Structure formats: C-alpha cells, structure tokens
Amino acid sequence: MDIKDKVIIITGASEGIGKALAQALAKQGAKLVLAARSDAKIKQLTDSLPGSFGVHADMHQAADIAAMVDAALKQYGRIDILVNNAGQGMYCPIEQVDLEQYQSIMDLNVYAPLRAMQLVIPHMRRAGGGMIINISSMVSKNAYPSLGAYASTKYALNALSLTARAELASDKIVVSLMHPKMTATRFGANVVGADPAVDSQPLAPAPGVDTAEQVADKIIQLIHSEAAEATM
C-alpha cells in the first residue's frame, strides 16, 4: 500500500516505536491520527508534524477507543491504516503471575487491539479496503523464562491477526503483524513485575538492540509489501 495521503491511526504514539513511526510516516505524506494517554507528549509531537492531530486515548477504556475512531472519521472521513502499537510487558515466573495484573495486560495487549479492529473494519470495508498492523513481539515465537504471561498476550494477538487476515482478504482489508525484538525504548520501564533498579531506564542502542527508528522503517516496509508478518 502507498502511504502518501493515507489516513493512519497510531496508538501508543507518544514515545518509542509509535513516535518514531509517526515521524517516519509524516515524511512520506501520511495524514496521522496520534493516540496516547499523555496529552502533553502528543501535543508536542503533533505540533512538530504537519498533517497530524492528537487524540487522548487510554486503550484500557472502550469509550476512548471509540472516540479515537470517531475523531479520525470526523477529521478525514475515512481510515486507511490502523496501527495497534500500544502495549505493556510483564516479567515474572508463571507461578507468581498476579491474575489482576495479567488481566490488565491482556486488556491492553489483546482486547484493545480487537476493539479497535472491530470499529474500523466496517468503515474500511465500505471504503473498498484498508490495512491493520498489529505490533506483536518476537517473544511470541519463543518460550523465554519469566516472559510467559506477556508472550501469551502476543500469541493471542497473532492468532486474531492471522485469522482476521484470512477472513477479510475478500474485502481487500490487509491484516499484518510486526514482531520487534529488543528495542531501545522505555518499554522496560513500564513492564509489570520488572525490577525497578534494573529496568527503570530506557535501553540504549547496542549490538542486538534495535532503535525505534529501525523498527519504524521495517513497519513502513510492511505497509508497502502487505506481507502477513515481518521481523527485525
């Protein structure tokens, strides 16, 4: 899919991969709807990116997700691409998983993307097509100690995404998965169950650690190729 003039929603756009993707897409002429909980960070980003506007969206809240979609439609009249990027990690042995925390992570990593997909699909179908990109993780391709709970949310997202890809192909709606690996962002600072003394600082670029900009470039390649999955 071409990017110029496409209306693209990005969730979790205030920092990290979402922010880097917004900046890269803006350079290619996209019309951006940038959603996040941090109003100040989103305002700062939209002020720097012509052709973008921000929406306050806590992806735990169904009403916020609906308002995000409504705002995009009111502003532009259509939605061409949805990027479900917002998410949170969890780090602890299976034996110690707190079920309430796990439900919260599941809500953000699985239910929220599903809600957003369900809201945009009818509009994309009426428009003759569109694209949905769900940001998963390479942990969903492996079994790492202490990452089972987090990985399970991404396993679920993979299943929903690949099934939706098959179901929506006849409507010309492409559903794709992006699987980042370790990325130099503040993701680790927000991981539930992580050791604050170890994980409070953002990762620095290093061998084996991708930058958010590198991941954004790969997502743009995925938009162009419309492949089912992409990895770093």
Protein backbone atom coordinates (compact mmCIF):
# COMPACT_ATOMS: atom_id res chain seq x y z
CA MET A 1 0.00 0.00 0.00
CA ASP A 2 1.18 3.51 -0.76
CA ILE A 3 1.49 5.88 2.19
CA LYS A 4 1.12 9.39 0.78
CA ASP A 5 -2.20 10.98 1.83
CA LYS A 6 -3.30 7.85 3.69
CA VAL A 7 -5.17 8.39 6.96
CA ILE A 8 -3.29 6.41 9.61
CA ILE A 9 -4.17 5.89 13.28
CA ILE A 10 -1.25 5.04 15.57
CA THR A 11 -1.95 4.03 19.17
CA GLY A 12 0.72 4.47 21.82
CA ALA A 13 2.17 7.24 19.67
CA SER A 14 3.66 9.45 22.38
CA GLU A 15 7.07 7.76 22.52
CA GLY A 16 9.14 4.78 21.42
CA ILE A 17 8.14 2.88 18.30
CA GLY A 18 4.86 4.77 17.94
CA LYS A 19 6.57 8.15 17.94
CA ALA A 20 9.32 7.04 15.56
CA LEU A 21 6.71 5.58 13.21
CA ALA A 22 4.69 8.80 13.26
CA GLN A 23 7.75 10.83 12.36
CA ALA A 24 8.69 8.47 9.53
CA LEU A 25 5.16 8.34 8.10
CA ALA A 26 4.82 12.13 8.24
CA LYS A 27 7.87 12.42 6.00
CA GLN A 28 6.05 10.28 3.45
CA GLY A 29 2.95 12.47 3.44
CA ALA A 30 0.58 10.49 5.65
CA LYS A 31 -2.33 12.09 7.49
CA LEU A 32 -1.83 10.98 11.07
CA VAL A 33 -4.16 10.44 14.00
CA LEU A 34 -1.87 10.02 17.01
CA ALA A 35 -3.38 8.48 20.13
CA ALA A 36 -1.93 8.12 23.64
CA ARG A 37 -2.68 8.83 27.28
CA SER A 38 -0.07 11.60 27.57
CA ASP A 39 -1.71 14.74 26.20
CA ALA A 40 1.43 16.84 26.64
CA LYS A 41 3.66 14.43 24.70
CA ILE A 42 1.10 14.02 21.92
CA LYS A 43 0.66 17.79 21.60
CA GLN A 44 4.42 18.26 21.35
CA LEU A 45 4.60 15.59 18.65
CA THR A 46 1.65 16.81 16.60
CA ASP A 47 2.96 20.38 16.74
CA SER A 48 6.13 19.11 15.04
CA LEU A 49 4.34 17.03 12.38
CA PRO A 50 2.22 18.88 9.83
CA GLY A 51 -0.85 16.92 8.82
CA SER A 52 -1.26 15.23 12.19
CA PHE A 53 -3.58 15.66 15.12
CA GLY A 54 -3.69 14.08 18.56
CA VAL A 55 -6.38 12.19 20.43
CA HIS A 56 -6.39 11.37 24.13
CA ALA A 57 -6.86 7.61 24.35
CA ASP A 58 -6.40 5.26 27.27
CA MET A 59 -6.60 1.98 25.39
CA HIS A 60 -7.95 0.27 28.52
CA GLN A 61 -11.11 2.31 28.00
CA ALA A 62 -13.56 1.16 25.33
CA ALA A 63 -15.07 4.65 25.18
CA ASP A 64 -11.67 6.18 24.42
CA ILE A 65 -11.08 3.72 21.58
CA ALA A 66 -14.47 4.56 20.07
CA ALA A 67 -13.78 8.28 20.44
CA MET A 68 -10.41 7.85 18.71
CA VAL A 69 -12.02 6.21 15.69
CA ASP A 70 -14.83 8.77 15.63
CA ALA A 71 -12.30 11.63 15.73
CA ALA A 72 -10.40 10.21 12.75
CA LEU A 73 -13.61 9.84 10.75
CA LYS A 74 -14.80 13.32 11.67
CA GLN A 75 -11.47 14.86 10.66
CA TYR A 76 -10.79 12.91 7.48
CA GLY A 77 -13.91 10.92 6.61
CA ARG A 78 -12.02 7.65 6.37
CA ILE A 79 -9.39 5.42 7.97
CA ASP A 80 -6.90 3.75 5.65
CA ILE A 81 -4.49 2.16 8.14
CA LEU A 82 -4.74 1.29 11.83
CA VAL A 83 -1.53 0.58 13.74
CA ASN A 84 -2.23 -1.08 17.08
CA ASN A 85 1.02 -0.23 18.83
CA ALA A 86 0.06 0.47 22.46
CA GLY A 87 1.05 -2.33 24.81
CA GLN A 88 2.71 -3.28 28.07
CA GLY A 89 5.05 -6.04 29.17
CA MET A 90 5.02 -8.39 32.14
CA TYR A 91 8.02 -10.12 33.67
CA CYS A 92 7.65 -12.85 36.29
CA PRO A 93 7.57 -16.63 36.58
CA ILE A 94 4.24 -18.27 35.73
CA GLU A 95 3.89 -19.40 39.36
CA GLN A 96 3.94 -15.77 40.52
CA VAL A 97 1.68 -14.16 37.90
CA ASP A 98 -0.78 -11.81 39.59
CA LEU A 99 -4.07 -12.50 37.83
CA GLU A 100 -5.42 -8.98 38.19
CA GLN A 101 -2.25 -7.55 36.66
CA TYR A 102 -2.39 -10.19 33.96
CA GLN A 103 -5.99 -9.25 33.15
CA SER A 104 -4.89 -5.62 32.80
CA ILE A 105 -2.05 -6.57 30.42
CA MET A 106 -4.41 -8.80 28.45
CA ASP A 107 -6.90 -5.94 28.21
CA LEU A 108 -4.29 -3.60 26.75
CA ASN A 109 -2.42 -6.06 24.52
CA VAL A 110 -5.34 -8.11 23.18
CA TYR A 111 -8.79 -6.69 23.92
CA ALA A 112 -7.89 -3.11 22.96
CA PRO A 113 -6.49 -4.01 19.51
CA LEU A 114 -9.51 -6.24 18.93
CA ARG A 115 -11.90 -3.44 19.87
CA ALA A 116 -10.12 -1.04 17.54
CA MET A 117 -10.14 -3.59 14.71
CA GLN A 118 -13.86 -4.21 15.13
CA LEU A 119 -14.56 -0.49 14.95
CA VAL A 120 -12.50 0.28 11.84
CA ILE A 121 -13.30 -2.84 9.78
CA PRO A 122 -16.82 -1.75 8.70
CA HIS A 123 -15.50 1.65 7.57
CA MET A 124 -12.61 0.07 5.67
CA ARG A 125 -15.00 -2.38 4.02
CA ARG A 126 -17.29 0.42 2.84
CA ALA A 127 -14.26 2.31 1.53
CA GLY A 128 -13.12 -0.68 -0.51
CA GLY A 129 -10.18 -1.76 1.65
CA GLY A 130 -7.59 -0.81 4.19
CA MET A 131 -4.83 -2.16 6.38
CA ILE A 132 -4.43 -3.12 10.04
CA ILE A 133 -0.97 -3.61 11.55
CA ASN A 134 -0.77 -5.18 14.98
CA ILE A 135 2.52 -4.81 16.84
CA SER A 136 3.34 -8.18 18.36
CA SER A 137 6.77 -9.34 19.55
CA MET A 138 9.43 -11.92 18.88
CA VAL A 139 8.65 -13.33 22.33
CA SER A 140 5.56 -14.81 20.68
CA LYS A 141 7.83 -17.02 18.61
CA ASN A 142 9.76 -18.39 21.60
CA ALA A 143 9.40 -19.52 25.20
CA TYR A 144 11.52 -17.37 27.50
CA PRO A 145 11.52 -17.85 31.30
CA SER A 146 9.57 -15.11 33.13
CA LEU A 147 8.04 -13.83 29.88
CA GLY A 148 5.29 -16.43 29.50
CA ALA A 149 2.41 -14.21 30.62
CA TYR A 150 3.45 -11.35 28.34
CA ALA A 151 4.18 -13.71 25.45
CA SER A 152 0.76 -15.30 25.80
CA THR A 153 -0.90 -11.96 25.08
CA LYS A 154 1.10 -11.70 21.89
CA TYR A 155 0.35 -15.31 20.95
CA ALA A 156 -3.33 -14.37 21.23
CA LEU A 157 -2.82 -11.22 19.15
CA ASN A 158 -1.06 -13.29 16.48
CA ALA A 159 -3.99 -15.71 16.28
CA LEU A 160 -6.54 -12.92 16.00
CA SER A 161 -4.48 -11.11 13.38
CA LEU A 162 -3.75 -14.04 11.09
CA THR A 163 -7.35 -15.25 11.30
CA ALA A 164 -8.65 -11.77 10.52
CA ARG A 165 -6.25 -11.59 7.57
CA ALA A 166 -7.91 -14.67 6.07
CA GLU A 167 -11.44 -13.54 6.91
CA LEU A 168 -11.02 -10.03 5.48
CA ALA A 169 -8.99 -10.79 2.35
CA SER A 170 -12.08 -10.70 0.14
CA ASP A 171 -12.84 -7.19 1.46
CA LYS A 172 -9.32 -6.05 0.48
CA ILE A 173 -8.51 -5.39 4.13
CA VAL A 174 -4.95 -6.49 4.86
CA VAL A 175 -4.06 -7.52 8.41
CA SER A 176 -0.35 -7.81 9.21
CA LEU A 177 1.86 -8.47 12.23
CA MET A 178 5.11 -6.76 13.16
CA HIS A 179 7.41 -8.62 15.57
CA PRO A 180 10.03 -6.31 17.12
CA LYS A 181 12.75 -7.80 19.25
CA MET A 182 14.67 -5.89 21.92
CA THR A 183 14.32 -2.20 21.11
CA ALA A 184 15.96 0.89 22.62
CA THR A 185 12.84 2.43 24.16
CA ARG A 186 11.34 2.99 27.61
CA PHE A 187 9.22 -0.16 27.23
CA GLY A 188 11.16 -1.89 30.01
CA ALA A 189 10.45 0.95 32.43
CA ASN A 190 6.73 0.16 32.24
CA VAL A 191 6.94 -3.62 32.50
CA VAL A 192 4.82 -5.10 35.28
CA GLY A 193 6.90 -7.23 37.62
CA ALA A 194 10.28 -5.95 36.45
CA ASP A 195 12.98 -4.98 38.92
CA PRO A 196 12.79 -1.15 39.18
CA ALA A 197 16.52 -0.95 39.96
CA VAL A 198 17.34 -2.74 36.73
CA ASP A 199 14.60 -1.68 34.32
CA SER A 200 13.79 1.93 35.23
CA GLN A 201 15.98 3.36 32.47
CA PRO A 202 15.40 3.09 28.72
CA LEU A 203 17.59 0.67 26.83
CA ALA A 204 20.48 2.23 25.00
CA PRO A 205 21.32 1.27 21.41
CA ALA A 206 23.77 -1.63 21.47
CA PRO A 207 24.63 -4.70 19.41
CA GLY A 208 21.47 -6.77 19.18
CA VAL A 209 19.25 -3.87 20.27
CA ASP A 210 17.31 -2.09 17.53
CA THR A 211 16.41 1.58 17.60
CA ALA A 212 12.79 2.65 17.43
CA GLU A 213 13.61 4.23 14.08
CA GLN A 214 14.83 0.90 12.69
CA VAL A 215 11.58 -0.76 13.76
CA ALA A 216 9.59 2.09 12.20
CA ASP A 217 11.43 1.60 8.90
CA LYS A 218 10.54 -2.10 8.97
CA ILE A 219 6.88 -1.26 9.61
CA ILE A 220 6.89 1.05 6.61
CA GLN A 221 8.32 -1.78 4.50
CA LEU A 222 5.48 -3.95 5.80
CA ILE A 223 2.91 -1.37 4.74
CA HIS A 224 4.34 -1.37 1.24
CA SER A 225 4.64 -5.16 0.98
CA GLU A 226 1.37 -6.03 2.75
CA ALA A 227 3.01 -9.24 3.96
CA ALA A 228 1.40 -11.30 6.73
CA GLU A 229 4.32 -10.86 9.16
CA ALA A 230 7.63 -9.06 9.50
CA THR A 231 10.51 -9.41 11.92
CA MET A 232 13.66 -7.43 12.62
